[in-house]
Amino acid sequence: MLSVMARFRIASVLLGLLICSVGGSAQTEQSSSTRKIVNRVLPSYPPLARPLNLTGTVKLEALVAPEGTVKTMEIKGGNPVFARAAETALREWKWEKSGQWTTEVVEFDFKP
């Protein structure tokens, strides 16, 4: 049987791994899009974060090409534990075609 201190150390190590690996997922998202979204993908909540009941938000700014695909993105704020999952999901998003490049801001909320 593990002591309380041993369990605390294990939890601390897992949290450190989570922060270093920057894995993540989401339950909801908000978009301040000027273009209609035609394909939306939600990230998954990271399995290692579940025992710790971590919550957080990631805000991303994406440069969207005229054909509707994400060309570049930048993290504008939020919990770094969930950043990779947010980026991975946003790469799969598609917007309606447009005659110009646009900048779209998306925010993902992560909850266990």
Protein backbone atom coordinates (compact mmCIF):
# COMPACT_ATOMS: atom_id res chain seq x y z
CA MET A 1 0.00 0.00 0.00
CA LEU A 2 1.36 3.42 -0.96
CA SER A 3 1.71 6.15 1.62
CA VAL A 4 0.07 9.51 1.16
CA MET A 5 3.45 11.06 0.31
CA ALA A 6 4.16 8.40 -2.30
CA ARG A 7 0.78 8.99 -3.94
CA PHE A 8 1.41 12.74 -3.86
CA ARG A 9 4.80 12.27 -5.57
CA ILE A 10 3.25 10.06 -8.24
CA ALA A 11 0.51 12.64 -8.89
CA SER A 12 3.16 15.39 -9.09
CA VAL A 13 5.20 13.41 -11.61
CA LEU A 14 2.11 12.73 -13.73
CA LEU A 15 1.20 16.41 -13.68
CA GLY A 16 4.75 17.30 -14.72
CA LEU A 17 4.57 14.82 -17.59
CA LEU A 18 1.29 16.30 -18.69
CA ILE A 19 2.67 19.80 -18.73
CA CYS A 20 5.82 18.71 -20.58
CA SER A 21 3.96 16.65 -23.17
CA VAL A 22 1.34 19.34 -23.84
CA GLY A 23 -1.36 16.79 -24.62
CA GLY A 24 -5.04 17.73 -24.50
CA SER A 25 -8.64 17.69 -25.61
CA ALA A 26 -11.88 19.60 -25.44
CA GLN A 27 -15.55 19.39 -24.71
CA THR A 28 -16.76 22.68 -26.18
CA GLU A 29 -15.47 25.40 -28.44
CA GLN A 30 -16.28 28.96 -29.41
CA SER A 31 -15.42 30.59 -32.69
CA SER A 32 -15.50 34.26 -33.59
CA SER A 33 -15.56 33.32 -37.24
CA THR A 34 -16.59 35.60 -40.07
CA ARG A 35 -16.86 32.54 -42.34
CA LYS A 36 -19.16 29.58 -41.94
CA ILE A 37 -17.50 26.46 -40.53
CA VAL A 38 -18.27 23.39 -42.66
CA ASN A 39 -16.20 20.79 -40.73
CA ARG A 40 -15.63 21.07 -36.98
CA VAL A 41 -13.51 18.61 -34.96
CA LEU A 42 -13.43 18.53 -31.15
CA PRO A 43 -10.25 17.32 -29.45
CA SER A 44 -10.29 14.48 -26.90
CA TYR A 45 -9.67 14.99 -23.21
CA PRO A 46 -6.20 13.56 -22.34
CA PRO A 47 -6.32 10.30 -20.36
CA LEU A 48 -3.50 11.38 -18.03
CA ALA A 49 -5.38 14.54 -17.04
CA ARG A 50 -8.52 12.64 -16.02
CA PRO A 51 -7.31 11.42 -12.59
CA LEU A 52 -6.24 14.98 -11.79
CA ASN A 53 -9.56 16.50 -13.00
CA LEU A 54 -7.71 19.21 -14.91
CA THR A 55 -9.72 21.90 -16.67
CA GLY A 56 -8.55 24.66 -18.94
CA THR A 57 -9.00 26.75 -22.03
CA VAL A 58 -6.90 27.25 -25.15
CA LYS A 59 -7.39 30.19 -27.51
CA LEU A 60 -6.01 29.87 -31.05
CA GLU A 61 -5.80 32.24 -34.00
CA ALA A 62 -5.80 30.54 -37.41
CA LEU A 63 -4.96 31.92 -40.83
CA VAL A 64 -7.49 30.35 -43.21
CA ALA A 65 -6.86 30.15 -46.95
CA PRO A 66 -9.52 31.09 -49.53
CA GLU A 67 -10.32 27.39 -50.09
CA GLY A 68 -11.16 27.05 -46.35
CA THR A 69 -8.18 25.17 -44.91
CA VAL A 70 -6.01 26.25 -41.98
CA LYS A 71 -2.58 27.31 -43.20
CA THR A 72 -1.02 28.56 -39.96
CA MET A 73 -2.10 28.94 -36.36
CA GLU A 74 -0.84 30.56 -33.21
CA ILE A 75 -1.71 29.92 -29.57
CA LYS A 76 -3.01 33.17 -28.11
CA GLY A 77 -3.47 31.96 -24.56
CA GLY A 78 -4.65 29.26 -22.26
CA ASN A 79 -3.50 26.16 -20.47
CA PRO A 80 -0.41 24.66 -22.17
CA VAL A 81 -1.43 21.17 -21.04
CA PHE A 82 -4.20 21.20 -23.66
CA ALA A 83 -2.45 23.12 -26.47
CA ARG A 84 -1.40 20.20 -28.69
CA ALA A 85 -4.88 18.66 -28.75
CA ALA A 86 -6.43 22.02 -29.61
CA GLU A 87 -3.97 22.53 -32.47
CA THR A 88 -4.48 19.00 -33.80
CA ALA A 89 -8.26 19.41 -33.85
CA LEU A 90 -8.17 22.88 -35.41
CA ARG A 91 -5.97 21.61 -38.28
CA GLU A 92 -8.93 19.42 -39.30
CA TRP A 93 -11.42 22.29 -39.39
CA LYS A 94 -12.71 23.53 -42.75
CA TRP A 95 -14.42 26.83 -43.49
CA GLU A 96 -16.55 27.77 -46.49
CA LYS A 97 -14.70 29.05 -49.53
CA SER A 98 -14.02 32.77 -49.73
CA GLY A 99 -12.32 35.16 -52.09
CA GLN A 100 -9.74 36.11 -49.47
CA TRP A 101 -7.57 34.93 -46.59
CA THR A 102 -9.16 35.38 -43.16
CA THR A 103 -8.04 35.20 -39.55
CA GLU A 104 -10.28 33.09 -37.33
CA VAL A 105 -10.15 32.92 -33.52
CA VAL A 106 -11.24 29.68 -31.83
CA GLU A 107 -11.37 28.89 -28.11
CA PHE A 108 -11.60 25.34 -26.73
CA ASP A 109 -12.79 24.62 -23.17
CA PHE A 110 -11.43 21.40 -21.65
CA LYS A 111 -13.28 19.58 -18.88
CA PRO A 112 -12.99 15.99 -17.61
